All heavy atoms as atom14 arrays in JSON, in Angstrom:
{
  "sequence": "IPTNLATAAAECQSENDVENLRQYCIAEPCPLSRLLLLAIEHREWP",
  "atom14_mask": [
    [1, 1, 1, 1, 1, 1, 1, 1, 0, 0, 0, 0, 0, 0],
    [1, 1, 1, 1, 1, 1, 1, 0, 0, 0, 0, 0, 0, 0],
    [1, 1, 1, 1, 1, 1, 1, 0, 0, 0, 0, 0, 0, 0],
    [1, 1, 1, 1, 1, 1, 1, 1, 0, 0, 0, 0, 0, 0],
    [1, 1, 1, 1, 1, 1, 1, 1, 0, 0, 0, 0, 0, 0],
    [1, 1, 1, 1, 1, 0, 0, 0, 0, 0, 0, 0, 0, 0],
    [1, 1, 1, 1, 1, 1, 1, 0, 0, 0, 0, 0, 0, 0],
    [1, 1, 1, 1, 1, 0, 0, 0, 0, 0, 0, 0, 0, 0],
    [1, 1, 1, 1, 1, 0, 0, 0, 0, 0, 0, 0, 0, 0],
    [1, 1, 1, 1, 1, 0, 0, 0, 0, 0, 0, 0, 0, 0],
    [1, 1, 1, 1, 1, 1, 1, 1, 1, 0, 0, 0, 0, 0],
    [1, 1, 1, 1, 1, 1, 0, 0, 0, 0, 0, 0, 0, 0],
    [1, 1, 1, 1, 1, 1, 1, 1, 1, 0, 0, 0, 0, 0],
    [1, 1, 1, 1, 1, 1, 0, 0, 0, 0, 0, 0, 0, 0],
    [1, 1, 1, 1, 1, 1, 1, 1, 1, 0, 0, 0, 0, 0],
    [1, 1, 1, 1, 1, 1, 1, 1, 0, 0, 0, 0, 0, 0],
    [1, 1, 1, 1, 1, 1, 1, 1, 0, 0, 0, 0, 0, 0],
    [1, 1, 1, 1, 1, 1, 1, 0, 0, 0, 0, 0, 0, 0],
    [1, 1, 1, 1, 1, 1, 1, 1, 1, 0, 0, 0, 0, 0],
    [1, 1, 1, 1, 1, 1, 1, 1, 0, 0, 0, 0, 0, 0],
    [1, 1, 1, 1, 1, 1, 1, 1, 0, 0, 0, 0, 0, 0],
    [1, 1, 1, 1, 1, 1, 1, 1, 1, 1, 1, 0, 0, 0],
    [1, 1, 1, 1, 1, 1, 1, 1, 1, 0, 0, 0, 0, 0],
    [1, 1, 1, 1, 1, 1, 1, 1, 1, 1, 1, 1, 0, 0],
    [1, 1, 1, 1, 1, 1, 0, 0, 0, 0, 0, 0, 0, 0],
    [1, 1, 1, 1, 1, 1, 1, 1, 0, 0, 0, 0, 0, 0],
    [1, 1, 1, 1, 1, 0, 0, 0, 0, 0, 0, 0, 0, 0],
    [1, 1, 1, 1, 1, 1, 1, 1, 1, 0, 0, 0, 0, 0],
    [1, 1, 1, 1, 1, 1, 1, 0, 0, 0, 0, 0, 0, 0],
    [1, 1, 1, 1, 1, 1, 0, 0, 0, 0, 0, 0, 0, 0],
    [1, 1, 1, 1, 1, 1, 1, 0, 0, 0, 0, 0, 0, 0],
    [1, 1, 1, 1, 1, 1, 1, 1, 0, 0, 0, 0, 0, 0],
    [1, 1, 1, 1, 1, 1, 0, 0, 0, 0, 0, 0, 0, 0],
    [1, 1, 1, 1, 1, 1, 1, 1, 1, 1, 1, 0, 0, 0],
    [1, 1, 1, 1, 1, 1, 1, 1, 0, 0, 0, 0, 0, 0],
    [1, 1, 1, 1, 1, 1, 1, 1, 0, 0, 0, 0, 0, 0],
    [1, 1, 1, 1, 1, 1, 1, 1, 0, 0, 0, 0, 0, 0],
    [1, 1, 1, 1, 1, 1, 1, 1, 0, 0, 0, 0, 0, 0],
    [1, 1, 1, 1, 1, 0, 0, 0, 0, 0, 0, 0, 0, 0],
    [1, 1, 1, 1, 1, 1, 1, 1, 0, 0, 0, 0, 0, 0],
    [1, 1, 1, 1, 1, 1, 1, 1, 1, 0, 0, 0, 0, 0],
    [1, 1, 1, 1, 1, 1, 1, 1, 1, 1, 0, 0, 0, 0],
    [1, 1, 1, 1, 1, 1, 1, 1, 1, 1, 1, 0, 0, 0],
    [1, 1, 1, 1, 1, 1, 1, 1, 1, 0, 0, 0, 0, 0],
    [1, 1, 1, 1, 1, 1, 1, 1, 1, 1, 1, 1, 1, 1],
    [1, 1, 1, 1, 1, 1, 1, 0, 0, 0, 0, 0, 0, 0]
  ],
  "atom14_positions": [
    [[2.57, 2.68, -27.01], [1.48, 2.47, -26.05], [0.36, 1.71, -26.77], [-0.56, 2.33, -27.32], [0.95, 3.82, -25.5], [2.08, 4.59, -24.85], [-0.19, 3.59, -24.53], [1.71, 5.96, -24.35], [0.0, 0.0, 0.0], [0.0, 0.0, 0.0], [0.0, 0.0, 0.0], [0.0, 0.0, 0.0], [0.0, 0.0, 0.0], [0.0, 0.0, 0.0]],
    [[0.43, 0.38, -26.79], [-0.64, -0.39, -27.43], [-1.98, -0.12, -26.75], [-2.06, -0.03, -25.52], [-0.21, -1.84, -27.24], [1.25, -1.78, -26.94], [1.49, -0.46, -26.28], [0.0, 0.0, 0.0], [0.0, 0.0, 0.0], [0.0, 0.0, 0.0], [0.0, 0.0, 0.0], [0.0, 0.0, 0.0], [0.0, 0.0, 0.0], [0.0, 0.0, 0.0]],
    [[-3.0, 0.02, -27.54], [-4.33, 0.37, -27.03], [-4.85, -0.66, -26.04], [-5.35, -0.31, -24.97], [-5.33, 0.51, -28.19], [-4.79, 1.43, -29.14], [-6.67, 1.0, -27.71], [0.0, 0.0, 0.0], [0.0, 0.0, 0.0], [0.0, 0.0, 0.0], [0.0, 0.0, 0.0], [0.0, 0.0, 0.0], [0.0, 0.0, 0.0], [0.0, 0.0, 0.0]],
    [[-4.7, -1.95, -26.37], [-5.22, -2.98, -25.47], [-4.45, -3.04, -24.15], [-5.02, -3.32, -23.11], [-5.25, -4.34, -26.16], [-3.98, -4.65, -26.9], [-3.02, -3.89, -26.85], [-3.97, -5.77, -27.59], [0.0, 0.0, 0.0], [0.0, 0.0, 0.0], [0.0, 0.0, 0.0], [0.0, 0.0, 0.0], [0.0, 0.0, 0.0], [0.0, 0.0, 0.0]],
    [[-3.16, -2.72, -24.17], [-2.39, -2.67, -22.93], [-2.8, -1.48, -22.08], [-2.96, -1.59, -20.86], [-0.89, -2.61, -23.23], [0.05, -2.56, -22.04], [-0.13, -3.79, -21.16], [1.48, -2.44, -22.5], [0.0, 0.0, 0.0], [0.0, 0.0, 0.0], [0.0, 0.0, 0.0], [0.0, 0.0, 0.0], [0.0, 0.0, 0.0], [0.0, 0.0, 0.0]],
    [[-3.01, -0.33, -22.71], [-3.46, 0.86, -21.97], [-4.84, 0.62, -21.36], [-5.1, 1.01, -20.22], [-3.48, 2.06, -22.9], [0.0, 0.0, 0.0], [0.0, 0.0, 0.0], [0.0, 0.0, 0.0], [0.0, 0.0, 0.0], [0.0, 0.0, 0.0], [0.0, 0.0, 0.0], [0.0, 0.0, 0.0], [0.0, 0.0, 0.0], [0.0, 0.0, 0.0]],
    [[-5.7, -0.06, -22.1], [-7.04, -0.37, -21.59], [-6.95, -1.33, -20.41], [-7.61, -1.14, -19.39], [-7.9, -0.99, -22.71], [-7.93, -0.09, -23.81], [-9.3, -1.27, -22.23], [0.0, 0.0, 0.0], [0.0, 0.0, 0.0], [0.0, 0.0, 0.0], [0.0, 0.0, 0.0], [0.0, 0.0, 0.0], [0.0, 0.0, 0.0], [0.0, 0.0, 0.0]],
    [[-6.11, -2.34, -20.54], [-5.95, -3.3, -19.45], [-5.38, -2.62, -18.2], [-5.79, -2.92, -17.08], [-5.03, -4.45, -19.88], [0.0, 0.0, 0.0], [0.0, 0.0, 0.0], [0.0, 0.0, 0.0], [0.0, 0.0, 0.0], [0.0, 0.0, 0.0], [0.0, 0.0, 0.0], [0.0, 0.0, 0.0], [0.0, 0.0, 0.0], [0.0, 0.0, 0.0]],
    [[-4.45, -1.7, -18.37], [-3.89, -0.98, -17.23], [-4.94, -0.08, -16.58], [-5.0, 0.04, -15.36], [-2.69, -0.16, -17.67], [0.0, 0.0, 0.0], [0.0, 0.0, 0.0], [0.0, 0.0, 0.0], [0.0, 0.0, 0.0], [0.0, 0.0, 0.0], [0.0, 0.0, 0.0], [0.0, 0.0, 0.0], [0.0, 0.0, 0.0], [0.0, 0.0, 0.0]],
    [[-5.78, 0.55, -17.4], [-6.81, 1.44, -16.85], [-7.88, 0.65, -16.1], [-8.46, 1.17, -15.13], [-7.45, 2.23, -17.99], [0.0, 0.0, 0.0], [0.0, 0.0, 0.0], [0.0, 0.0, 0.0], [0.0, 0.0, 0.0], [0.0, 0.0, 0.0], [0.0, 0.0, 0.0], [0.0, 0.0, 0.0], [0.0, 0.0, 0.0], [0.0, 0.0, 0.0]],
    [[-8.14, -0.57, -16.51], [-9.19, -1.38, -15.87], [-8.67, -2.25, -14.73], [-9.42, -3.01, -14.14], [-9.86, -2.27, -16.93], [-10.61, -1.47, -17.98], [-11.13, -2.33, -19.12], [-10.78, -3.54, -19.18], [-11.86, -1.79, -19.95], [0.0, 0.0, 0.0], [0.0, 0.0, 0.0], [0.0, 0.0, 0.0], [0.0, 0.0, 0.0], [0.0, 0.0, 0.0]],
    [[-7.4, -2.14, -14.42], [-6.79, -2.96, -13.36], [-7.29, -2.48, -11.99], [-7.01, -1.35, -11.59], [-5.27, -2.86, -13.46], [-4.41, -3.93, -12.32], [0.0, 0.0, 0.0], [0.0, 0.0, 0.0], [0.0, 0.0, 0.0], [0.0, 0.0, 0.0], [0.0, 0.0, 0.0], [0.0, 0.0, 0.0], [0.0, 0.0, 0.0], [0.0, 0.0, 0.0]],
    [[-8.04, -3.34, -11.28], [-8.63, -2.96, -10.0], [-8.21, -3.87, -8.85], [-8.0, -3.4, -7.74], [-10.16, -3.0, -10.1], [-10.75, -2.05, -11.13], [-10.57, -0.6, -10.75], [-10.64, -0.25, -9.57], [-10.31, 0.24, -11.73], [0.0, 0.0, 0.0], [0.0, 0.0, 0.0], [0.0, 0.0, 0.0], [0.0, 0.0, 0.0], [0.0, 0.0, 0.0]],
    [[-8.08, -5.15, -9.12], [-7.81, -6.11, -8.04], [-6.42, -6.73, -8.2], [-5.74, -6.53, -9.2], [-8.87, -7.21, -8.04], [-8.73, -8.0, -9.21], [0.0, 0.0, 0.0], [0.0, 0.0, 0.0], [0.0, 0.0, 0.0], [0.0, 0.0, 0.0], [0.0, 0.0, 0.0], [0.0, 0.0, 0.0], [0.0, 0.0, 0.0], [0.0, 0.0, 0.0]],
    [[-6.04, -7.5, -7.19], [-4.74, -8.19, -7.22], [-4.71, -9.2, -8.37], [-3.67, -9.4, -9.01], [-4.5, -8.88, -5.87], [-3.1, -9.37, -5.67], [-2.06, -8.26, -5.62], [-2.39, -7.15, -5.17], [-0.91, -8.51, -6.04], [0.0, 0.0, 0.0], [0.0, 0.0, 0.0], [0.0, 0.0, 0.0], [0.0, 0.0, 0.0], [0.0, 0.0, 0.0]],
    [[-5.85, -9.81, -8.65], [-5.94, -10.75, -9.78], [-5.73, -10.01, -11.1], [-5.06, -10.52, -12.01], [-7.3, -11.46, -9.76], [-7.34, -12.62, -10.75], [-6.31, -13.24, -11.01], [-8.51, -12.9, -11.27], [0.0, 0.0, 0.0], [0.0, 0.0, 0.0], [0.0, 0.0, 0.0], [0.0, 0.0, 0.0], [0.0, 0.0, 0.0], [0.0, 0.0, 0.0]],
    [[-6.29, -8.81, -11.22], [-6.1, -8.0, -12.42], [-4.64, -7.6, -12.59], [-4.12, -7.54, -13.71], [-6.96, -6.73, -12.37], [-8.45, -7.01, -12.49], [-8.8, -8.11, -12.97], [-9.23, -6.13, -12.11], [0.0, 0.0, 0.0], [0.0, 0.0, 0.0], [0.0, 0.0, 0.0], [0.0, 0.0, 0.0], [0.0, 0.0, 0.0], [0.0, 0.0, 0.0]],
    [[-3.95, -7.35, -11.46], [-2.53, -6.98, -11.51], [-1.72, -8.13, -12.08], [-0.82, -7.94, -12.91], [-2.01, -6.57, -10.11], [-0.5, -6.42, -10.11], [-2.68, -5.29, -9.65], [0.0, 0.0, 0.0], [0.0, 0.0, 0.0], [0.0, 0.0, 0.0], [0.0, 0.0, 0.0], [0.0, 0.0, 0.0], [0.0, 0.0, 0.0], [0.0, 0.0, 0.0]],
    [[-2.02, -9.35, -11.66], [-1.29, -10.51, -12.18], [-1.58, -10.72, -13.67], [-0.68, -11.04, -14.44], [-1.64, -11.78, -11.37], [-0.84, -12.99, -11.75], [0.67, -12.78, -11.65], [1.14, -12.06, -10.75], [1.39, -13.36, -12.5], [0.0, 0.0, 0.0], [0.0, 0.0, 0.0], [0.0, 0.0, 0.0], [0.0, 0.0, 0.0], [0.0, 0.0, 0.0]],
    [[-2.83, -10.51, -14.06], [-3.17, -10.62, -15.49], [-2.43, -9.54, -16.3], [-1.93, -9.81, -17.4], [-4.68, -10.5, -15.7], [-5.43, -11.7, -15.19], [-4.86, -12.79, -15.05], [-6.7, -11.51, -14.89], [0.0, 0.0, 0.0], [0.0, 0.0, 0.0], [0.0, 0.0, 0.0], [0.0, 0.0, 0.0], [0.0, 0.0, 0.0], [0.0, 0.0, 0.0]],
    [[-2.37, -8.34, -15.76], [-1.65, -7.25, -16.43], [-0.17, -7.58, -16.53], [0.46, -7.33, -17.57], [-1.86, -5.93, -15.68], [-1.17, -4.7, -16.25], [-1.69, -4.39, -17.65], [-1.38, -3.51, -15.34], [0.0, 0.0, 0.0], [0.0, 0.0, 0.0], [0.0, 0.0, 0.0], [0.0, 0.0, 0.0], [0.0, 0.0, 0.0], [0.0, 0.0, 0.0]],
    [[0.39, -8.15, -15.48], [1.8, -8.54, -15.49], [2.07, -9.55, -16.6], [3.04, -9.43, -17.35], [2.18, -9.11, -14.13], [3.62, -9.49, -13.99], [3.88, -10.06, -12.58], [5.19, -10.6, -12.48], [5.56, -11.79, -12.95], [4.7, -12.55, -13.56], [6.8, -12.2, -12.82], [0.0, 0.0, 0.0], [0.0, 0.0, 0.0], [0.0, 0.0, 0.0]],
    [[1.22, -10.56, -16.72], [1.38, -11.57, -17.78], [1.25, -10.94, -19.16], [1.97, -11.29, -20.1], [0.36, -12.7, -17.6], [0.55, -13.54, -16.36], [1.92, -14.2, -16.32], [2.45, -14.62, -17.33], [2.51, -14.24, -15.13], [0.0, 0.0, 0.0], [0.0, 0.0, 0.0], [0.0, 0.0, 0.0], [0.0, 0.0, 0.0], [0.0, 0.0, 0.0]],
    [[0.32, -10.01, -19.29], [0.12, -9.34, -20.57], [1.34, -8.49, -20.93], [1.76, -8.45, -22.09], [-1.14, -8.46, -20.51], [-1.55, -7.93, -21.84], [-2.21, -8.73, -22.76], [-1.25, -6.62, -22.2], [-2.56, -8.24, -23.99], [-1.6, -6.13, -23.42], [-2.26, -6.94, -24.33], [-2.61, -6.46, -25.56], [0.0, 0.0, 0.0], [0.0, 0.0, 0.0]],
    [[1.93, -7.82, -19.94], [3.13, -7.0, -20.18], [4.31, -7.86, -20.6], [5.11, -7.45, -21.45], [3.5, -6.2, -18.93], [2.37, -4.86, -18.54], [0.0, 0.0, 0.0], [0.0, 0.0, 0.0], [0.0, 0.0, 0.0], [0.0, 0.0, 0.0], [0.0, 0.0, 0.0], [0.0, 0.0, 0.0], [0.0, 0.0, 0.0], [0.0, 0.0, 0.0]],
    [[4.44, -9.04, -20.02], [5.52, -9.95, -20.4], [5.32, -10.42, -21.83], [6.28, -10.52, -22.61], [5.59, -11.14, -19.41], [6.06, -10.66, -18.04], [6.51, -12.23, -19.95], [5.95, -11.69, -16.95], [0.0, 0.0, 0.0], [0.0, 0.0, 0.0], [0.0, 0.0, 0.0], [0.0, 0.0, 0.0], [0.0, 0.0, 0.0], [0.0, 0.0, 0.0]],
    [[4.08, -10.68, -22.2], [3.79, -11.2, -23.54], [3.96, -10.14, -24.63], [4.26, -10.48, -25.78], [2.37, -11.75, -23.58], [0.0, 0.0, 0.0], [0.0, 0.0, 0.0], [0.0, 0.0, 0.0], [0.0, 0.0, 0.0], [0.0, 0.0, 0.0], [0.0, 0.0, 0.0], [0.0, 0.0, 0.0], [0.0, 0.0, 0.0], [0.0, 0.0, 0.0]],
    [[3.75, -8.89, -24.29], [3.82, -7.81, -25.31], [4.84, -6.75, -24.89], [4.5, -5.76, -24.25], [2.45, -7.17, -25.49], [2.44, -6.17, -26.59], [1.08, -6.02, -27.22], [0.22, -6.88, -27.03], [0.89, -5.02, -27.9], [0.0, 0.0, 0.0], [0.0, 0.0, 0.0], [0.0, 0.0, 0.0], [0.0, 0.0, 0.0], [0.0, 0.0, 0.0]],
    [[6.11, -6.95, -25.26], [7.13, -5.98, -24.85], [7.02, -4.66, -25.61], [6.91, -4.63, -26.84], [8.44, -6.7, -25.18], [8.11, -7.69, -26.23], [6.67, -8.06, -26.03], [0.0, 0.0, 0.0], [0.0, 0.0, 0.0], [0.0, 0.0, 0.0], [0.0, 0.0, 0.0], [0.0, 0.0, 0.0], [0.0, 0.0, 0.0], [0.0, 0.0, 0.0]],
    [[6.99, -3.59, -24.87], [6.96, -2.23, -25.42], [7.38, -1.31, -24.27], [7.49, -1.75, -23.12], [5.59, -1.88, -25.96], [4.31, -1.73, -24.71], [0.0, 0.0, 0.0], [0.0, 0.0, 0.0], [0.0, 0.0, 0.0], [0.0, 0.0, 0.0], [0.0, 0.0, 0.0], [0.0, 0.0, 0.0], [0.0, 0.0, 0.0], [0.0, 0.0, 0.0]],
    [[7.63, -0.03, -24.54], [8.03, 0.86, -23.44], [7.03, 0.91, -22.29], [7.42, 0.86, -21.12], [8.16, 2.22, -24.13], [8.53, 1.89, -25.53], [7.76, 0.63, -25.84], [0.0, 0.0, 0.0], [0.0, 0.0, 0.0], [0.0, 0.0, 0.0], [0.0, 0.0, 0.0], [0.0, 0.0, 0.0], [0.0, 0.0, 0.0], [0.0, 0.0, 0.0]],
    [[5.74, 0.97, -22.61], [4.73, 1.02, -21.55], [4.74, -0.27, -20.73], [4.65, -0.22, -19.5], [3.34, 1.27, -22.13], [2.19, 1.28, -21.13], [2.39, 2.39, -20.11], [0.86, 1.42, -21.83], [0.0, 0.0, 0.0], [0.0, 0.0, 0.0], [0.0, 0.0, 0.0], [0.0, 0.0, 0.0], [0.0, 0.0, 0.0], [0.0, 0.0, 0.0]],
    [[4.85, -1.42, -21.38], [4.83, -2.67, -20.63], [6.05, -2.79, -19.72], [5.95, -3.31, -18.61], [4.74, -3.87, -21.58], [5.91, -3.98, -22.36], [0.0, 0.0, 0.0], [0.0, 0.0, 0.0], [0.0, 0.0, 0.0], [0.0, 0.0, 0.0], [0.0, 0.0, 0.0], [0.0, 0.0, 0.0], [0.0, 0.0, 0.0], [0.0, 0.0, 0.0]],
    [[7.21, -2.3, -20.17], [8.39, -2.35, -19.31], [8.2, -1.46, -18.07], [8.61, -1.83, -16.96], [9.63, -1.95, -20.1], [10.07, -3.03, -21.09], [11.4, -2.71, -21.73], [11.34, -1.62, -22.68], [11.05, -1.76, -23.98], [10.79, -2.95, -24.48], [11.04, -0.7, -24.78], [0.0, 0.0, 0.0], [0.0, 0.0, 0.0], [0.0, 0.0, 0.0]],
    [[7.59, -0.31, -18.26], [7.34, 0.58, -17.12], [6.3, -0.01, -16.17], [6.45, 0.06, -14.94], [6.89, 1.96, -17.61], [7.93, 2.76, -18.39], [7.33, 4.04, -18.93], [9.14, 3.05, -17.53], [0.0, 0.0, 0.0], [0.0, 0.0, 0.0], [0.0, 0.0, 0.0], [0.0, 0.0, 0.0], [0.0, 0.0, 0.0], [0.0, 0.0, 0.0]],
    [[5.26, -0.61, -16.74], [4.24, -1.24, -15.89], [4.82, -2.42, -15.12], [4.51, -2.6, -13.94], [3.05, -1.69, -16.74], [2.13, -0.59, -17.26], [1.11, -1.16, -18.24], [1.44, 0.13, -16.12], [0.0, 0.0, 0.0], [0.0, 0.0, 0.0], [0.0, 0.0, 0.0], [0.0, 0.0, 0.0], [0.0, 0.0, 0.0], [0.0, 0.0, 0.0]],
    [[5.67, -3.21, -15.77], [6.3, -4.33, -15.07], [7.15, -3.85, -13.9], [7.13, -4.45, -12.82], [7.16, -5.14, -16.04], [6.45, -6.2, -16.87], [7.39, -6.79, -17.91], [5.88, -7.29, -15.97], [0.0, 0.0, 0.0], [0.0, 0.0, 0.0], [0.0, 0.0, 0.0], [0.0, 0.0, 0.0], [0.0, 0.0, 0.0], [0.0, 0.0, 0.0]],
    [[7.88, -2.78, -14.12], [8.69, -2.22, -13.04], [7.81, -1.79, -11.87], [8.11, -2.08, -10.7], [9.52, -1.05, -13.55], [10.42, -0.39, -12.51], [11.58, -1.31, -12.16], [10.93, 0.93, -13.02], [0.0, 0.0, 0.0], [0.0, 0.0, 0.0], [0.0, 0.0, 0.0], [0.0, 0.0, 0.0], [0.0, 0.0, 0.0], [0.0, 0.0, 0.0]],
    [[6.72, -1.1, -12.19], [5.81, -0.64, -11.12], [5.17, -1.83, -10.41], [5.03, -1.81, -9.17], [4.74, 0.27, -11.71], [0.0, 0.0, 0.0], [0.0, 0.0, 0.0], [0.0, 0.0, 0.0], [0.0, 0.0, 0.0], [0.0, 0.0, 0.0], [0.0, 0.0, 0.0], [0.0, 0.0, 0.0], [0.0, 0.0, 0.0], [0.0, 0.0, 0.0]],
    [[4.81, -2.86, -11.17], [4.19, -4.04, -10.55], [5.19, -4.77, -9.65], [4.86, -5.18, -8.53], [3.63, -4.98, -11.64], [2.42, -4.34, -12.31], [3.26, -6.34, -11.06], [1.95, -5.06, -13.56], [0.0, 0.0, 0.0], [0.0, 0.0, 0.0], [0.0, 0.0, 0.0], [0.0, 0.0, 0.0], [0.0, 0.0, 0.0], [0.0, 0.0, 0.0]],
    [[6.43, -4.92, -10.14], [7.44, -5.63, -9.35], [7.8, -4.89, -8.07], [8.19, -5.5, -7.08], [8.68, -5.87, -10.2], [8.48, -6.88, -11.3], [9.63, -6.91, -12.29], [10.62, -6.17, -12.1], [9.53, -7.67, -13.27], [0.0, 0.0, 0.0], [0.0, 0.0, 0.0], [0.0, 0.0, 0.0], [0.0, 0.0, 0.0], [0.0, 0.0, 0.0]],
    [[7.67, -3.57, -8.08], [8.03, -2.77, -6.9], [6.8, -2.2, -6.19], [6.9, -1.2, -5.49], [8.97, -1.63, -7.32], [10.26, -2.1, -7.89], [10.7, -1.71, -9.13], [11.19, -2.97, -7.42], [11.85, -2.3, -9.39], [12.18, -3.06, -8.37], [0.0, 0.0, 0.0], [0.0, 0.0, 0.0], [0.0, 0.0, 0.0], [0.0, 0.0, 0.0]],
    [[5.66, -2.84, -6.35], [4.44, -2.29, -5.74], [4.46, -2.38, -4.22], [3.69, -1.69, -3.55], [3.2, -2.91, -6.34], [2.95, -4.35, -6.04], [1.67, -4.83, -6.75], [1.38, -6.21, -6.48], [1.83, -7.23, -7.19], [2.61, -7.0, -8.22], [1.51, -8.45, -6.87], [0.0, 0.0, 0.0], [0.0, 0.0, 0.0], [0.0, 0.0, 0.0]],
    [[5.33, -3.18, -3.66], [5.46, -3.28, -2.2], [6.29, -2.12, -1.63], [6.28, -1.88, -0.43], [6.11, -4.6, -1.81], [5.41, -5.84, -2.35], [3.96, -5.94, -1.9], [3.67, -5.52, -0.76], [3.13, -6.43, -2.67], [0.0, 0.0, 0.0], [0.0, 0.0, 0.0], [0.0, 0.0, 0.0], [0.0, 0.0, 0.0], [0.0, 0.0, 0.0]],
    [[7.02, -1.44, -2.48], [7.84, -0.31, -2.05], [6.94, 0.86, -1.64], [5.79, 0.95, -2.08], [8.74, 0.16, -3.17], [9.88, -0.75, -3.53], [10.11, -2.02, -3.11], [10.95, -0.42, -4.41], [11.25, -2.51, -3.68], [11.79, -1.54, -4.48], [11.29, 0.69, -5.14], [12.94, -1.59, -5.25], [12.43, 0.67, -5.91], [13.25, -0.46, -5.95]],
    [[7.47, 1.8, -0.88], [6.7, 3.03, -0.6], [6.44, 3.78, -1.92], [7.25, 3.71, -2.86], [7.63, 3.83, 0.31], [8.6, 2.85, 0.87], [8.72, 1.76, -0.14], [0.0, 0.0, 0.0], [0.0, 0.0, 0.0], [0.0, 0.0, 0.0], [0.0, 0.0, 0.0], [0.0, 0.0, 0.0], [0.0, 0.0, 0.0], [0.0, 0.0, 0.0]]
  ]
}
């Protein structure tokens, strides 16, 4: 759980922030980023 990724996820408020978080997760692969990417990709799901 990289500190800067956790901070970026905690500060994510808008759709623009979600896209920035997605790009950050792609750039820094780790278990947390893979989970966040999954949640972002399926955010339209119930």
